[in-house]
Each structure stands twice: as structure tokens, then as C-alpha cells.
Amino acid sequence: MKIAVTGASGFLGPQLVERLLERGHGVHVLARDVKRTLARLPPGVTGSYFDAATPLSPDALGGAEAVVHLAGEPVAQRWTERARKRIHDSRVVGTRLLVEAMRAAGTVRHFVSASAIGYYGGDRGAEPLTETSSPGEDFLARVCRAWEAEALEAAASGIRTVVPRIGVVLHPAGGALKKMLPLFRWGVGGRMGSGQQYMSWVHRDDALGLLLFALEQPELRGPMNVTAPEPVTNAELTRALGAALHRPAVLPVPSLALKVAMGEMSEAVLGGQRVLPRVATESGYPFQYPEVSGALRALLG
């Protein structure tokens, strides 16, 4: 297929594009800085301009038969009023504009539109959460609900739509693990707050594998949790990370310090969700890294 991709310059984007090309698909990226994005990608990829604040011409999709939508303002920042608006609009308005262009183009048959496990709310304790669990009510949950609602408008137009709710993606090149590694390598890492909050993680290879699975399995529709089948508490993750690095992991970061440093965004770190990938498991996706110790050893070798 010819596949249009947003967010191609982000944490998952370049590797996803490479895997699509390896599978024989054509790739057309949608980006604000098309030239810079294409410079990071293999030859043969084409591109068009797309911004979450500007209506998208149907022609910009380049005749794509499928769209993978990964673009969005980073959540890991202090949530000022301006930041909250950017986080919301980049996802909700951007998805709305993309779906409008897809409808007008008339060529798109498959739509994979990223969401996040923030859908379930900031602190659900040890409650097992699957794709049918109720949503939360905090800021990120409200954003995710509105984001998914815009994506599912494509389904109302007859476009097969999958909404991957992505968990904490582990890879030293980015995300939470990149931020944690320096402290742990210096031997001063440890749990955050009580450490009892669940972290629903996924190895980057499995995150990419699940996005491709959503794209290529015609029976999949609706939400799909992109998390490993064995979520762990923050304390368990930090112990596994310390073991993988052969470093101690005994210096906790107090909850108050996180609240002072991160503001409201600390709720996403101190809260937690125990998210299970029921749809992926029941659909037969073969996880490469189902448990966190093996995933971290593979990543940090």
C-alpha cells in the first residue's frame, strides 16, 4: 500500500517508516518541516506540509490507501495553560483536520490513529484495565477521549480505524528510559514516590510491531492497548533497570520533589495504570519482550 505517516520525525516515526519500506509499502510523510523530516528518512519517501492548525488539502495525502497518525505535542513538559492548549489542539484539532482530508480524498481504507493509556486516568491502582475499561476524568484522559472521538469519525465514514493506546515505550533513544538512564548509570537512581504505581511499559520493537499489526490485520477495529502483557510497578521497573546496568537503585525521588519540579504533570508520574493488551493478545500478536527484565537486558546489553 501507499501509506501516509504523521509524526515521522518523532520517537517512533523513523523506525516505523523503515519497517514499512522493508515490507514493500510506499511512504508519504505529512509534516510541518517536510525538508527536515525527509532528511532523517531513507530515500524514496515523499512528503507534504501538514500542521494541526491548518486545514489539509486532500491532495496532500498523495493518494494514500492508509494513514498512520502519530503526531502530537510532547506531554512531558510543565502543563502551563499554553502547553495544555498545545497538547490538546495538536491531537484533537489535528486529527479532525486529517480525518476531513481523508474523507475528501476518497482513497484511504485503513486508519491507525495513536492515542495513549492516559485515556484510563492518572491513578487506577492495581485495577486491571483492558480496552473496554472506563476512561478517567483528569486532563490527559479528557484529551485522549476527545482525540479518539475525532479519529473514530473516520470509522463512521467506512474507513477501518484502529486506535492504539500507547503505554510507556522503553528505548534508550528517547522517552522515559532516556531520562532515567543518566541517574541510574551514576548509581543514584531509584523509585519515584511510593513506587507502588503501575507502569504499563512496552519495548519499542513491540510498540512498532503492534502499530504494523493494527495496520495490516483487517479484522482489527477500535481501541488496542500497546503495552506489554506484564505491567510492573515503578519500584519493580527501577529494580530491573538497576540490575540491567549492574548499579544500585535505592535512592527514591520524593513525591513532593516531583510535584515541585514538574507541577501538574507529576500526576502522570505518581499515578499509574495497570493496562493489559487484551485485544493484541487475543488477536495473536507475538510479543518479543513480554517481561521487563528481558526487555531491559536486550536494550542495555
Protein backbone atom coordinates (compact mmCIF):
# COMPACT_ATOMS: atom_id res chain seq x y z
CA MET A 1 0.00 0.00 0.00
CA LYS A 2 0.87 3.65 -0.13
CA ILE A 3 0.83 4.87 3.45
CA ALA A 4 0.79 8.44 4.76
CA VAL A 5 2.50 8.95 8.13
CA THR A 6 2.35 11.89 10.53
CA GLY A 7 4.88 12.24 13.33
CA ALA A 8 7.55 10.64 11.16
CA SER A 9 10.33 12.61 12.87
CA GLY A 10 9.30 11.60 16.41
CA PHE A 11 10.35 8.82 18.77
CA LEU A 12 8.61 6.03 16.81
CA GLY A 13 8.30 7.62 13.38
CA PRO A 14 11.65 6.98 11.67
CA GLN A 15 11.75 3.31 12.67
CA LEU A 16 8.13 2.83 11.62
CA VAL A 17 8.89 4.31 8.20
CA GLU A 18 11.87 1.96 7.81
CA ARG A 19 9.73 -1.06 8.68
CA LEU A 20 7.00 -0.01 6.25
CA LEU A 21 9.57 0.29 3.47
CA GLU A 22 11.03 -3.11 4.36
CA ARG A 23 7.54 -4.58 3.93
CA GLY A 24 7.28 -3.11 0.44
CA HIS A 25 4.91 -0.24 1.24
CA GLY A 26 5.31 3.25 -0.21
CA VAL A 27 5.55 6.05 2.38
CA HIS A 28 4.38 9.66 2.16
CA VAL A 29 5.04 11.79 5.26
CA LEU A 30 2.95 14.72 6.48
CA ALA A 31 4.97 17.24 8.47
CA ARG A 32 5.39 20.92 9.29
CA ASP A 33 9.04 20.86 8.21
CA VAL A 34 8.92 18.48 5.27
CA LYS A 35 12.52 19.01 4.14
CA ARG A 36 13.97 18.35 7.60
CA THR A 37 11.76 15.30 8.12
CA LEU A 38 12.70 13.75 4.78
CA ALA A 39 16.39 14.29 5.58
CA ARG A 40 16.00 11.87 8.52
CA LEU A 41 14.36 9.17 6.41
CA PRO A 42 15.52 6.71 3.73
CA PRO A 43 15.46 7.68 0.04
CA GLY A 44 12.21 7.25 -1.81
CA VAL A 45 9.93 8.74 0.85
CA THR A 46 7.79 11.67 -0.32
CA GLY A 47 6.16 14.40 1.77
CA SER A 48 3.61 17.19 2.09
CA TYR A 49 3.04 20.03 4.54
CA PHE A 50 0.67 19.41 7.47
CA ASP A 51 0.08 21.46 10.59
CA ALA A 52 -2.53 20.84 13.27
CA ALA A 53 -3.83 24.39 12.92
CA THR A 54 -4.23 24.44 9.13
CA PRO A 55 -6.81 22.58 7.00
CA LEU A 56 -5.19 19.82 4.96
CA SER A 57 -5.76 19.51 1.24
CA PRO A 58 -6.92 16.02 0.21
CA ASP A 59 -4.18 16.11 -2.43
CA ALA A 60 -1.58 16.33 0.36
CA LEU A 61 -2.29 12.70 1.21
CA GLY A 62 -0.62 11.72 -2.05
CA GLY A 63 -3.21 9.10 -2.95
CA ALA A 64 -2.54 7.11 0.23
CA GLU A 65 -4.59 3.98 0.90
CA ALA A 66 -3.71 4.03 4.62
CA VAL A 67 -2.75 6.63 7.22
CA VAL A 68 -0.74 6.18 10.42
CA HIS A 69 -1.20 9.22 12.66
CA LEU A 70 1.46 9.68 15.36
CA ALA A 71 1.81 13.48 15.57
CA GLY A 72 1.25 15.37 18.82
CA GLU A 73 2.80 17.93 21.16
CA PRO A 74 5.06 16.28 23.79
CA VAL A 75 3.28 15.66 27.10
CA ALA A 76 6.50 15.62 29.17
CA GLN A 77 6.64 19.35 29.99
CA ARG A 78 5.15 21.66 32.61
CA TRP A 79 1.46 21.99 31.90
CA THR A 80 1.05 25.75 31.65
CA GLU A 81 -2.20 26.96 30.09
CA ARG A 82 -0.40 27.40 26.76
CA ALA A 83 1.13 23.93 26.97
CA ARG A 84 -2.26 22.37 27.78
CA LYS A 85 -3.75 24.04 24.73
CA ARG A 86 -0.90 22.84 22.51
CA ILE A 87 -1.23 19.29 23.86
CA HIS A 88 -4.98 19.32 23.27
CA ASP A 89 -5.11 21.05 19.89
CA SER A 90 -2.19 19.16 18.33
CA ARG A 91 -4.11 15.93 18.93
CA VAL A 92 -7.78 16.80 18.78
CA VAL A 93 -7.81 19.54 16.12
CA GLY A 94 -5.01 17.90 14.15
CA THR A 95 -6.88 14.58 14.00
CA ARG A 96 -10.10 16.34 12.99
CA LEU A 97 -8.37 18.07 10.07
CA LEU A 98 -6.68 14.85 8.99
CA VAL A 99 -9.96 12.90 9.01
CA GLU A 100 -11.66 15.63 6.97
CA ALA A 101 -8.91 15.37 4.35
CA MET A 102 -9.15 11.56 4.32
CA ARG A 103 -12.90 11.71 3.72
CA ALA A 104 -12.45 14.18 0.88
CA ALA A 105 -9.62 12.22 -0.72
CA GLY A 106 -11.67 9.04 -1.01
CA THR A 107 -8.61 6.77 -1.30
CA VAL A 108 -7.96 5.88 2.38
CA ARG A 109 -9.22 2.48 3.55
CA HIS A 110 -7.19 1.99 6.76
CA PHE A 111 -6.51 4.48 9.56
CA VAL A 112 -4.26 3.87 12.59
CA SER A 113 -4.53 6.87 14.92
CA ALA A 114 -2.38 6.85 18.05
CA SER A 115 -3.84 7.52 21.47
CA ALA A 116 -2.34 6.84 24.92
CA ILE A 117 -3.05 4.87 28.07
CA GLY A 118 -3.65 8.25 29.69
CA TYR A 119 -7.21 7.53 28.48
CA TYR A 120 -7.73 5.46 31.64
CA GLY A 121 -6.87 8.30 34.03
CA GLY A 122 -3.92 9.11 36.22
CA ASP A 123 -4.23 6.65 39.10
CA ARG A 124 -6.21 3.43 38.79
CA GLY A 125 -4.17 1.48 41.37
CA ALA A 126 -3.86 -2.25 40.66
CA GLU A 127 -7.15 -2.45 38.73
CA PRO A 128 -6.58 -4.45 35.53
CA LEU A 129 -7.53 -2.23 32.58
CA THR A 130 -8.48 -3.51 29.14
CA GLU A 131 -9.79 -1.78 26.04
CA THR A 132 -13.35 -1.91 27.43
CA SER A 133 -12.49 -0.28 30.80
CA SER A 134 -13.96 3.10 31.66
CA PRO A 135 -12.00 6.29 30.91
CA GLY A 136 -10.55 8.64 33.52
CA GLU A 137 -11.53 12.23 34.22
CA ASP A 138 -8.20 14.09 34.52
CA PHE A 139 -6.59 16.34 31.89
CA LEU A 140 -4.85 13.63 29.87
CA ALA A 141 -7.89 11.37 29.99
CA ARG A 142 -10.09 14.16 28.65
CA VAL A 143 -7.61 14.86 25.86
CA CYS A 144 -7.45 11.17 24.92
CA ARG A 145 -11.23 10.82 24.88
CA ALA A 146 -11.62 13.83 22.57
CA TRP A 147 -8.66 12.66 20.45
CA GLU A 148 -10.15 9.19 19.97
CA ALA A 149 -13.59 10.60 19.22
CA GLU A 150 -12.16 12.59 16.31
CA ALA A 151 -10.29 9.53 15.00
CA LEU A 152 -13.41 7.36 15.15
CA GLU A 153 -15.23 9.80 12.88
CA ALA A 154 -13.23 8.10 10.13
CA ALA A 155 -14.89 4.80 11.02
CA ALA A 156 -18.27 6.46 10.61
CA SER A 157 -17.21 7.15 7.02
CA GLY A 158 -16.40 3.49 6.36
CA ILE A 159 -12.64 3.71 6.94
CA ARG A 160 -11.34 0.83 9.08
CA THR A 161 -9.96 2.61 12.15
CA VAL A 162 -7.71 1.32 14.93
CA VAL A 163 -6.81 3.47 17.94
CA PRO A 164 -3.60 2.18 19.61
CA ARG A 165 -3.43 3.37 23.23
CA ILE A 166 0.34 3.52 23.64
CA GLY A 167 1.99 2.93 27.03
CA VAL A 168 5.47 3.85 28.31
CA VAL A 169 7.73 2.97 25.38
CA LEU A 170 11.15 1.73 26.50
CA HIS A 171 14.24 2.53 24.45
CA PRO A 172 17.42 4.42 25.38
CA ALA A 173 17.00 6.74 22.38
CA GLY A 174 14.01 8.53 23.87
CA GLY A 175 11.07 8.65 26.22
CA ALA A 176 11.16 7.81 29.91
CA LEU A 177 14.14 5.46 29.71
CA LYS A 178 16.40 8.07 28.13
CA LYS A 179 15.65 10.43 31.02
CA MET A 180 16.19 7.75 33.67
CA LEU A 181 19.45 6.30 32.37
CA PRO A 182 21.95 9.00 33.45
CA LEU A 183 20.91 8.83 37.12
CA PHE A 184 20.93 5.04 37.17
CA ARG A 185 24.30 4.85 35.46
CA TRP A 186 25.66 7.16 38.15
CA GLY A 187 24.22 4.85 40.82
CA VAL A 188 21.75 7.43 42.15
CA GLY A 189 18.52 6.14 40.60
CA GLY A 190 15.50 4.85 42.46
CA ARG A 191 11.73 4.66 42.60
CA MET A 192 9.52 7.70 42.16
CA GLY A 193 7.27 8.49 45.09
CA SER A 194 5.92 5.35 46.73
CA GLY A 195 6.97 3.19 43.78
CA GLN A 196 3.70 1.28 44.03
CA GLN A 197 2.15 2.96 40.99
CA TYR A 198 1.92 0.68 37.96
CA MET A 199 3.87 1.46 34.80
CA SER A 200 2.41 -0.11 31.70
CA TRP A 201 5.52 -0.31 29.56
CA VAL A 202 6.32 -1.73 26.12
CA HIS A 203 9.63 -2.34 24.34
CA ARG A 204 9.94 -0.08 21.30
CA ASP A 205 10.19 -3.06 18.97
CA ASP A 206 6.83 -4.33 20.22
CA ALA A 207 5.31 -0.85 20.00
CA LEU A 208 6.33 -0.72 16.34
CA GLY A 209 5.22 -4.30 15.82
CA LEU A 210 1.78 -3.54 17.23
CA LEU A 211 1.35 -0.46 15.03
CA LEU A 212 2.12 -2.59 11.99
CA PHE A 213 -0.18 -5.32 13.31
CA ALA A 214 -3.00 -2.75 13.60
CA LEU A 215 -2.33 -1.57 10.07
CA GLU A 216 -2.14 -4.99 8.42
CA GLN A 217 -4.75 -7.07 10.29
CA PRO A 218 -8.07 -6.33 8.58
CA GLU A 219 -10.20 -7.65 11.45
CA LEU A 220 -8.86 -5.12 13.99
CA ARG A 221 -11.01 -2.09 14.76
CA GLY A 222 -11.36 0.37 17.63
CA PRO A 223 -9.03 0.71 20.64
CA MET A 224 -5.98 -1.53 21.12
CA ASN A 225 -3.65 -1.26 24.11
CA VAL A 226 0.00 -1.05 23.07
CA THR A 227 1.57 -2.35 26.27
CA ALA A 228 3.45 -5.46 27.32
CA PRO A 229 1.36 -8.26 28.85
CA GLU A 230 3.14 -7.93 32.21
CA PRO A 231 2.92 -4.38 33.59
CA VAL A 232 5.09 -3.67 36.63
CA THR A 233 5.17 -1.19 39.48
CA ASN A 234 7.59 1.71 39.36
CA ALA A 235 9.64 0.03 42.11
CA GLU A 236 9.85 -3.20 40.10
CA LEU A 237 10.91 -1.30 36.98
CA THR A 238 13.65 0.59 38.81
CA ARG A 239 14.99 -2.64 40.36
CA ALA A 240 15.06 -4.28 36.92
CA LEU A 241 16.81 -1.25 35.44
CA GLY A 242 19.41 -1.22 38.20
CA ALA A 243 20.04 -4.94 37.67
CA ALA A 244 20.40 -4.50 33.90
CA LEU A 245 23.01 -1.77 34.49
CA HIS A 246 24.65 -3.51 37.47
CA ARG A 247 24.00 -0.40 39.54
CA PRO A 248 22.14 0.20 42.81
CA ALA A 249 18.61 1.59 42.59
CA VAL A 250 17.97 2.62 46.17
CA LEU A 251 17.62 6.42 46.17
CA PRO A 252 13.92 7.31 45.88
CA VAL A 253 12.67 10.58 44.44
CA PRO A 254 10.18 12.04 46.95
CA SER A 255 6.67 12.84 45.70
CA LEU A 256 6.99 16.44 46.88
CA ALA A 257 10.15 16.97 44.84
CA LEU A 258 8.42 15.69 41.71
CA LYS A 259 5.43 17.96 42.30
CA VAL A 260 7.69 20.98 42.73
CA ALA A 261 9.78 20.15 39.67
CA MET A 262 7.01 19.06 37.31
CA GLY A 263 3.85 20.76 38.55
CA GLU A 264 0.57 19.15 37.50
CA MET A 265 2.41 16.88 35.06
CA SER A 266 3.76 14.98 38.11
CA GLU A 267 0.31 13.37 38.42
CA ALA A 268 1.11 11.32 35.32
CA VAL A 269 4.29 10.02 37.00
CA LEU A 270 3.00 9.47 40.53
CA GLY A 271 -0.26 7.92 39.35
CA GLY A 272 -0.38 4.73 37.38
CA GLN A 273 -2.42 2.31 35.32
CA ARG A 274 -2.20 -1.46 35.09
CA VAL A 275 -3.05 -1.79 31.41
CA LEU A 276 -3.35 -5.18 29.71
CA PRO A 277 -3.15 -5.71 25.92
CA ARG A 278 -6.21 -7.95 25.65
CA VAL A 279 -7.01 -7.14 22.01
CA ALA A 280 -3.44 -7.76 20.85
CA THR A 281 -3.14 -10.98 22.84
CA GLU A 282 -6.48 -12.39 21.71
CA SER A 283 -5.69 -11.42 18.10
CA GLY A 284 -2.48 -13.44 18.19
CA TYR A 285 0.22 -10.76 18.31
CA PRO A 286 3.52 -12.49 19.30
CA PHE A 287 5.24 -10.25 21.87
CA GLN A 288 9.02 -10.25 21.54
CA TYR A 289 9.51 -8.83 25.04
CA PRO A 290 6.68 -9.82 27.41
CA GLU A 291 8.59 -9.18 30.66
CA VAL A 292 10.55 -6.14 31.71
CA SER A 293 13.84 -7.73 32.81
CA GLY A 294 14.39 -9.33 29.43
CA ALA A 295 13.38 -6.15 27.65
CA LEU A 296 15.88 -4.02 29.59
CA ARG A 297 18.69 -6.56 29.15
CA ALA A 298 18.05 -6.55 25.40
CA LEU A 299 18.03 -2.76 25.28
CA LEU A 300 21.04 -2.15 27.51
CA GLY A 301 23.02 -5.35 26.86
